[in-house]
C-alpha atoms as a PDB file:
ATOM      1  CA  MET A   1      18.790   9.859  17.228  1.00  0.00           C
ATOM      2  CA  PRO A   2      15.188  10.892  16.432  1.00  0.00           C
ATOM      3  CA  LYS A   3      15.878  11.172  12.696  1.00  0.00           C
ATOM      4  CA  TYR A   4      17.382   7.672  12.621  1.00  0.00           C
ATOM      5  CA  ARG A   5      14.412   6.183  14.489  1.00  0.00           C
ATOM      6  CA  LEU A   6      12.012   7.993  12.171  1.00  0.00           C
ATOM      7  CA  ASN A   7      13.728   6.638   9.058  1.00  0.00           C
ATOM      8  CA  GLN A   8      13.744   3.103  10.458  1.00  0.00           C
ATOM      9  CA  ARG A   9      10.003   3.217  11.076  1.00  0.00           C
ATOM     10  CA  ALA A  10       9.332   4.516   7.560  1.00  0.00           C
ATOM     11  CA  VAL A  11      11.501   1.836   5.913  1.00  0.00           C
ATOM     12  CA  LYS A  12       9.793  -0.973   7.843  1.00  0.00           C
ATOM     13  CA  ALA A  13       6.250   0.311   7.237  1.00  0.00           C
ATOM     14  CA  GLU A  14       3.775  -2.035   5.559  1.00  0.00           C
ATOM     15  CA  PHE A  15       0.674  -0.931   3.648  1.00  0.00           C
ATOM     16  CA  THR A  16      -2.335  -2.814   2.307  1.00  0.00           C
ATOM     17  CA  ILE A  17      -3.687  -1.558  -1.027  1.00  0.00           C
ATOM     18  CA  ILE A  18      -7.196  -2.273  -2.317  1.00  0.00           C
ATOM     19  CA  VAL A  19      -7.225  -2.021  -6.121  1.00  0.00           C
ATOM     20  CA  GLN A  20     -10.336  -1.354  -8.217  1.00  0.00           C
ATOM     21  CA  PRO A  21     -11.124  -3.387 -11.374  1.00  0.00           C
ATOM     22  CA  ASP A  22      -9.953  -0.469 -13.552  1.00  0.00           C
ATOM     23  CA  GLY A  23      -6.575  -0.363 -11.791  1.00  0.00           C
ATOM     24  CA  GLY A  24      -7.328   2.664  -9.620  1.00  0.00           C
ATOM     25  CA  ILE A  25      -6.578   2.692  -5.896  1.00  0.00           C
ATOM     26  CA  ARG A  26      -9.720   2.425  -3.784  1.00  0.00           C
ATOM     27  CA  GLN A  27      -8.131   2.385  -0.348  1.00  0.00           C
ATOM     28  CA  VAL A  28      -4.751   2.329   1.397  1.00  0.00           C
ATOM     29  CA  GLU A  29      -4.427   0.901   4.902  1.00  0.00           C
ATOM     30  CA  GLY A  30      -1.522   1.006   7.320  1.00  0.00           C
ATOM     31  CA  GLN A  31      -0.756   4.718   7.600  1.00  0.00           C
ATOM     32  CA  GLU A  32      -2.426   5.139  11.002  1.00  0.00           C
ATOM     33  CA  LYS A  33       0.001   2.706  12.638  1.00  0.00           C
ATOM     34  CA  LEU A  34       2.973   4.442  11.049  1.00  0.00           C
ATOM     35  CA  LEU A  35       1.717   7.899  12.080  1.00  0.00           C
ATOM     36  CA  LYS A  36       1.427   6.783  15.711  1.00  0.00           C
ATOM     37  CA  GLU A  37       4.994   5.451  15.647  1.00  0.00           C
ATOM     38  CA  ILE A  38       6.257   8.677  14.072  1.00  0.00           C
ATOM     39  CA  ALA A  39       4.442  10.805  16.668  1.00  0.00           C
ATOM     40  CA  PHE A  40       6.191   8.802  19.407  1.00  0.00           C
ATOM     41  CA  ALA A  41       9.661   8.917  17.798  1.00  0.00           C
ATOM     42  CA  SER A  42       9.560  12.519  16.567  1.00  0.00           C
ATOM     43  CA  PRO A  43       6.574  14.580  17.816  1.00  0.00           C
ATOM     44  CA  GLY A  44       7.739  17.699  15.976  1.00  0.00           C
ATOM     45  CA  THR A  45       7.272  16.082  12.567  1.00  0.00           C
ATOM     46  CA  SER A  46       3.813  14.658  13.247  1.00  0.00           C
ATOM     47  CA  SER A  47       1.818  17.413  11.476  1.00  0.00           C
ATOM     48  CA  LEU A  48       4.073  17.274   8.415  1.00  0.00           C
ATOM     49  CA  MET A  49       3.870  13.487   8.147  1.00  0.00           C
ATOM     50  CA  LYS A  50       0.064  13.585   8.358  1.00  0.00           C
ATOM     51  CA  LEU A  51       0.119  15.560   5.104  1.00  0.00           C
ATOM     52  CA  ILE A  52       2.671  13.319   3.421  1.00  0.00           C
ATOM     53  CA  LEU A  53       0.795  10.176   4.514  1.00  0.00           C
ATOM     54  CA  SER A  54      -2.710  11.455   3.750  1.00  0.00           C
ATOM     55  CA  ASP A  55      -5.118   9.204   1.824  1.00  0.00           C
ATOM     56  CA  GLU A  56      -4.729  11.289  -1.328  1.00  0.00           C
ATOM     57  CA  ALA A  57      -0.930  11.343  -1.161  1.00  0.00           C
ATOM     58  CA  LEU A  58      -0.663   7.590  -0.600  1.00  0.00           C
ATOM     59  CA  LYS A  59      -3.082   6.797  -3.419  1.00  0.00           C
ATOM     60  CA  LYS A  60      -0.923   8.919  -5.713  1.00  0.00           C
ATOM     61  CA  SER A  61       2.177   7.075  -4.504  1.00  0.00           C
ATOM     62  CA  PHE A  62       0.686   3.768  -5.609  1.00  0.00           C
ATOM     63  CA  ALA A  63      -0.815   5.196  -8.833  1.00  0.00           C
ATOM     64  CA  PRO A  64       1.419   3.059 -11.131  1.00  0.00           C
ATOM     65  CA  PHE A  65      -1.003   0.206 -10.451  1.00  0.00           C
ATOM     66  CA  GLY A  66      -3.493   1.631 -12.930  1.00  0.00           C
ATOM     67  CA  ALA A  67      -3.094   5.295 -13.840  1.00  0.00           C
ATOM     68  CA  TYR A  68      -0.910   4.478 -16.846  1.00  0.00           C
ATOM     69  CA  LEU A  69      -3.463   2.463 -18.853  1.00  0.00           C
ATOM     70  CA  PRO A  70      -4.866   3.891 -22.122  1.00  0.00           C
ATOM     71  CA  THR A  71      -8.628   4.291 -22.390  1.00  0.00           C
ATOM     72  CA  ALA A  72      -8.883   2.145 -25.551  1.00  0.00           C
ATOM     73  CA  ALA A  73      -6.982  -0.586 -27.397  1.00  0.00           C
ATOM     74  CA  VAL A  74      -3.723   0.711 -28.895  1.00  0.00           C
ATOM     75  CA  ALA A  75      -0.989  -0.508 -31.245  1.00  0.00           C
ATOM     76  CA  PRO A  76       2.792  -0.199 -30.779  1.00  0.00           C
ATOM     77  CA  GLY A  77       3.845   3.423 -31.239  1.00  0.00           C
ATOM     78  CA  ALA A  78       0.588   4.862 -29.874  1.00  0.00           C
ATOM     79  CA  THR A  79       0.894   7.709 -27.360  1.00  0.00           C
ATOM     80  CA  TRP A  80      -1.307   9.199 -24.649  1.00  0.00           C
ATOM     81  CA  THR A  81      -0.932  11.611 -21.728  1.00  0.00           C
ATOM     82  CA  ARG A  82      -1.886  11.917 -18.066  1.00  0.00           C
ATOM     83  CA  ASN A  83      -1.717  14.793 -15.567  1.00  0.00           C
ATOM     84  CA  ASP A  84      -1.352  13.764 -11.941  1.00  0.00           C
ATOM     85  CA  PRO A  85      -2.086  16.588  -9.426  1.00  0.00           C
ATOM     86  CA  LEU A  86      -1.254  16.353  -5.732  1.00  0.00           C
ATOM     87  CA  ASP A  87      -2.270  19.126  -3.315  1.00  0.00           C
ATOM     88  CA  LEU A  88      -0.376  19.016   0.004  1.00  0.00           C
ATOM     89  CA  GLY A  89      -1.873  22.197   1.478  1.00  0.00           C
ATOM     90  CA  PRO A  90       0.820  24.193   3.329  1.00  0.00           C
ATOM     91  CA  ILE A  91       3.560  22.259   1.511  1.00  0.00           C
ATOM     92  CA  GLY A  92       2.314  23.287  -1.925  1.00  0.00           C
ATOM     93  CA  ARG A  93       0.837  21.693  -5.031  1.00  0.00           C
ATOM     94  CA  TYR A  94       2.557  19.349  -7.461  1.00  0.00           C
ATOM     95  CA  VAL A  95       1.390  18.418 -10.954  1.00  0.00           C
ATOM     96  CA  THR A  96       3.251  15.650 -12.759  1.00  0.00           C
ATOM     97  CA  ALA A  97       2.653  15.337 -16.508  1.00  0.00           C
ATOM     98  CA  PHE A  98       3.220  11.942 -18.127  1.00  0.00           C
ATOM     99  CA  ASN A  99       3.675  11.179 -21.826  1.00  0.00           C
ATOM    100  CA  PHE A 100       3.248   7.451 -22.488  1.00  0.00           C
ATOM    101  CA  THR A 101       4.241   5.394 -25.528  1.00  0.00           C
ATOM    102  CA  TYR A 102       3.182   1.794 -26.117  1.00  0.00           C
ATOM    103  CA  HIS A 103       6.519   0.222 -27.045  1.00  0.00           C
ATOM    104  CA  ALA A 104       5.986  -3.487 -27.729  1.00  0.00           C
ATOM    105  CA  ALA A 105       4.560  -6.779 -26.491  1.00  0.00           C
ATOM    106  CA  VAL A 106       6.330 -10.070 -25.809  1.00  0.00           C
ATOM    107  CA  GLY A 107       3.749 -12.727 -25.073  1.00  0.00           C
ATOM    108  CA  SER A 108       1.421 -11.359 -22.410  1.00  0.00           C
ATOM    109  CA  ALA A 109       3.951  -8.712 -21.303  1.00  0.00           C
ATOM    110  CA  HIS A 110       3.170  -5.272 -22.752  1.00  0.00           C
ATOM    111  CA  GLU A 111       5.893  -2.638 -22.349  1.00  0.00           C
ATOM    112  CA  ILE A 112       4.975   1.021 -21.946  1.00  0.00           C
ATOM    113  CA  ARG A 113       7.663   3.696 -21.822  1.00  0.00           C
ATOM    114  CA  PHE A 114       7.093   7.227 -20.594  1.00  0.00           C
ATOM    115  CA  LYS A 115       8.616  10.616 -19.923  1.00  0.00           C
ATOM    116  CA  SER A 116       7.547  12.910 -17.102  1.00  0.00           C
ATOM    117  CA  SER A 117       7.773  16.540 -16.036  1.00  0.00           C
ATOM    118  CA  LEU A 118       6.818  18.207 -12.775  1.00  0.00           C
ATOM    119  CA  LYS A 119       5.407  21.641 -11.953  1.00  0.00           C
ATOM    120  CA  TYR A 120       5.366  22.975  -8.392  1.00  0.00           C
ATOM    121  CA  THR A 121       3.145  25.772  -7.050  1.00  0.00           C
ATOM    122  CA  PRO A 122       3.975  27.234  -3.593  1.00  0.00           C
ATOM    123  CA  PRO A 123       1.217  27.331  -0.952  1.00  0.00           C
ATOM    124  CA  SER A 124      -0.875  30.430  -0.338  1.00  0.00           C
ATOM    125  CA  LYS A 125       0.490  32.959   2.153  1.00  0.00           C
ATOM    126  CA  ASP A 126      -2.179  32.152   4.734  1.00  0.00           C
ATOM    127  CA  ALA A 127      -1.586  28.384   4.641  1.00  0.00           C
ATOM    128  CA  GLY A 128      -0.813  27.096   8.125  1.00  0.00           C
ATOM    129  CA  GLY A 129      -0.655  23.935  10.185  1.00  0.00           C
ATOM    130  CA  LEU A 130       3.104  23.343  10.082  1.00  0.00           C
ATOM    131  CA  PRO A 131       6.008  24.485  12.299  1.00  0.00           C
ATOM    132  CA  PHE A 132       7.447  26.306   9.271  1.00  0.00           C
ATOM    133  CA  VAL A 133       6.142  28.429   6.389  1.00  0.00           C
ATOM    134  CA  ILE A 134       7.230  28.200   2.759  1.00  0.00           C
ATOM    135  CA  LYS A 135       7.488  31.883   1.813  1.00  0.00           C
ATOM    136  CA  SER A 136       8.559  31.290  -1.793  1.00  0.00           C
ATOM    137  CA  ALA A 137       9.885  28.482  -3.942  1.00  0.00           C
ATOM    138  CA  GLU A 138      11.347  27.866  -7.349  1.00  0.00           C
ATOM    139  CA  LEU A 139      11.338  24.128  -7.938  1.00  0.00           C
ATOM    140  CA  THR A 140      11.737  22.431 -11.283  1.00  0.00           C
ATOM    141  CA  GLY A 141      11.372  18.767 -12.072  1.00  0.00           C
ATOM    142  CA  GLU A 142      13.920  17.934 -14.729  1.00  0.00           C
ATOM    143  CA  PRO A 143      12.553  15.581 -17.416  1.00  0.00           C
ATOM    144  CA  GLY A 144      12.169  12.095 -15.963  1.00  0.00           C
ATOM    145  CA  GLU A 145      11.612   8.758 -17.628  1.00  0.00           C
ATOM    146  CA  GLY A 146      10.432   5.282 -16.819  1.00  0.00           C
ATOM    147  CA  LYS A 147       9.124   1.958 -18.009  1.00  0.00           C
ATOM    148  CA  ILE A 148       6.031  -0.100 -17.223  1.00  0.00           C
ATOM    149  CA  VAL A 149       5.370  -3.768 -17.982  1.00  0.00           C
ATOM    150  CA  PHE A 150       1.699  -4.781 -17.949  1.00  0.00           C
ATOM    151  CA  ASP A 151       0.726  -8.466 -17.711  1.00  0.00           C
ATOM    152  CA  ALA A 152      -2.319  -8.840 -19.974  1.00  0.00           C
ATOM    153  CA  GLU A 153      -2.893 -12.458 -18.938  1.00  0.00           C
ATOM    154  CA  LYS A 154      -3.228 -11.550 -15.259  1.00  0.00           C
ATOM    155  CA  GLY A 155      -4.689  -8.109 -15.948  1.00  0.00           C
ATOM    156  CA  ARG A 156      -2.264  -6.224 -13.730  1.00  0.00           C
ATOM    157  CA  LEU A 157       1.018  -4.402 -13.472  1.00  0.00           C
ATOM    158  CA  ARG A 158       4.053  -6.700 -13.543  1.00  0.00           C
ATOM    159  CA  GLU A 159       6.724  -4.099 -12.816  1.00  0.00           C
ATOM    160  CA  SER A 160       7.530  -0.421 -13.236  1.00  0.00           C
ATOM    161  CA  SER A 161      10.369   2.034 -12.670  1.00  0.00           C
ATOM    162  CA  HIS A 162      10.515   5.833 -12.688  1.00  0.00           C
ATOM    163  CA  THR A 163      13.375   8.279 -12.120  1.00  0.00           C
ATOM    164  CA  MET A 164      13.028  12.059 -11.787  1.00  0.00           C
ATOM    165  CA  ARG A 165      15.347  14.816 -10.570  1.00  0.00           C
ATOM    166  CA  LEU A 166      14.041  17.812  -8.591  1.00  0.00           C
ATOM    167  CA  VAL A 167      16.114  20.981  -8.191  1.00  0.00           C
ATOM    168  CA  GLY A 168      15.414  24.477  -6.875  1.00  0.00           C
ATOM    169  CA  THR A 169      15.484  26.935  -3.978  1.00  0.00           C
ATOM    170  CA  LEU A 170      12.988  27.494  -1.157  1.00  0.00           C
ATOM    171  CA  LEU A 171      12.645  30.386   1.280  1.00  0.00           C
ATOM    172  CA  ILE A 172      11.436  28.947   4.590  1.00  0.00           C
ATOM    173  CA  GLU A 173      10.426  30.846   7.731  1.00  0.00           C
ATOM    174  CA  VAL A 174      10.801  29.202  11.138  1.00  0.00           C
ATOM    175  CA  GLY A 175      10.100  31.263  14.243  1.00  0.00           C
ATOM    176  CA  ARG A 176      10.266  34.535  12.245  1.00  0.00           C
ATOM    177  CA  GLN A 177      13.694  33.563  10.925  1.00  0.00           C
ATOM    178  CA  GLU A 178      13.980  33.185   7.146  1.00  0.00           C
ATOM    179  CA  THR A 179      16.349  30.666   5.589  1.00  0.00           C
ATOM    180  CA  TYR A 180      17.096  29.782   1.974  1.00  0.00           C
ATOM    181  CA  VAL A 181      17.269  26.079   1.224  1.00  0.00           C
ATOM    182  CA  ASP A 182      18.833  24.683  -1.945  1.00  0.00           C
ATOM    183  CA  LEU A 183      17.200  21.433  -2.986  1.00  0.00           C
ATOM    184  CA  GLU A 184      18.658  18.819  -5.302  1.00  0.00           C
ATOM    185  CA  GLN A 185      16.981  15.435  -5.189  1.00  0.00           C
ATOM    186  CA  THR A 186      16.858  12.396  -7.456  1.00  0.00           C
ATOM    187  CA  GLN A 187      13.825  10.186  -6.900  1.00  0.00           C
ATOM    188  CA  THR A 188      13.716   6.602  -8.131  1.00  0.00           C
ATOM    189  CA  SER A 189      10.683   4.384  -7.573  1.00  0.00           C
ATOM    190  CA  ARG A 190      10.316   0.710  -8.456  1.00  0.00           C
ATOM    191  CA  VAL A 191       7.196  -1.437  -8.214  1.00  0.00           C
ATOM    192  CA  ARG A 192       6.916  -5.194  -8.712  1.00  0.00           C
ATOM    193  CA  THR A 193       3.743  -7.270  -8.372  1.00  0.00           C
ATOM    194  CA  MET A 194       4.017 -10.897  -7.246  1.00  0.00           C
ATOM    195  CA  ASP A 195       1.535 -13.735  -6.758  1.00  0.00           C
ATOM    196  CA  THR A 196       2.700 -14.379  -3.197  1.00  0.00           C
ATOM    197  CA  TYR A 197       3.888 -12.073  -0.442  1.00  0.00           C
ATOM    198  CA  VAL A 198       7.651 -11.969  -0.009  1.00  0.00           C
ATOM    199  CA  ARG A 199       8.889 -10.219   3.122  1.00  0.00           C
ATOM    200  CA  PRO A 200      11.816  -7.878   2.366  1.00  0.00           C
ATOM    201  CA  GLU A 201      15.198  -8.937   3.662  1.00  0.00           C
ATOM    202  CA  LYS A 202      16.303  -7.196   6.852  1.00  0.00           C
ATOM    203  CA  LYS A 203      19.113  -4.672   6.409  1.00  0.00           C
END
């Protein structure tokens, strides 16, 4: 089945990330190979996947590597905020707001806890480039939460986790036919940084 083959290619995809000294993402490599495989397995989804796997979108996906750091030294209990916008053109615009709290340190491991909220803005009416059009949307990101552990000795992220639930309704037009879609999705992301590369076990 095309959907099955598409999912298998996405799960097995490998990316190379180039990280800046401040923790930001300078470059992500590997999406071109995945896009070619997707175009072969499911040509109809190619234009959509080019948006999802754009440079900006992928850099945002790997943002936990550095976007969480405060701009100055802080003590336990200190708080700071970040807004993370992501414009996907004809899919719409997402802005995730993060509220961070420096929890505690054990040795070189510094724990940061955070809460998140998401705001979605539908695309403009003249946005094109996809086989469907989002006519209207009411999406709400229910309050999410997560934890980050920063390794001060190595100067990098040790691990992080983030869970958020997205609910709402979209009105989508395909071939002049309008359809309402109810969306309910729970997203959980986990990141772990290791000194050596460990290939994931085959499933």
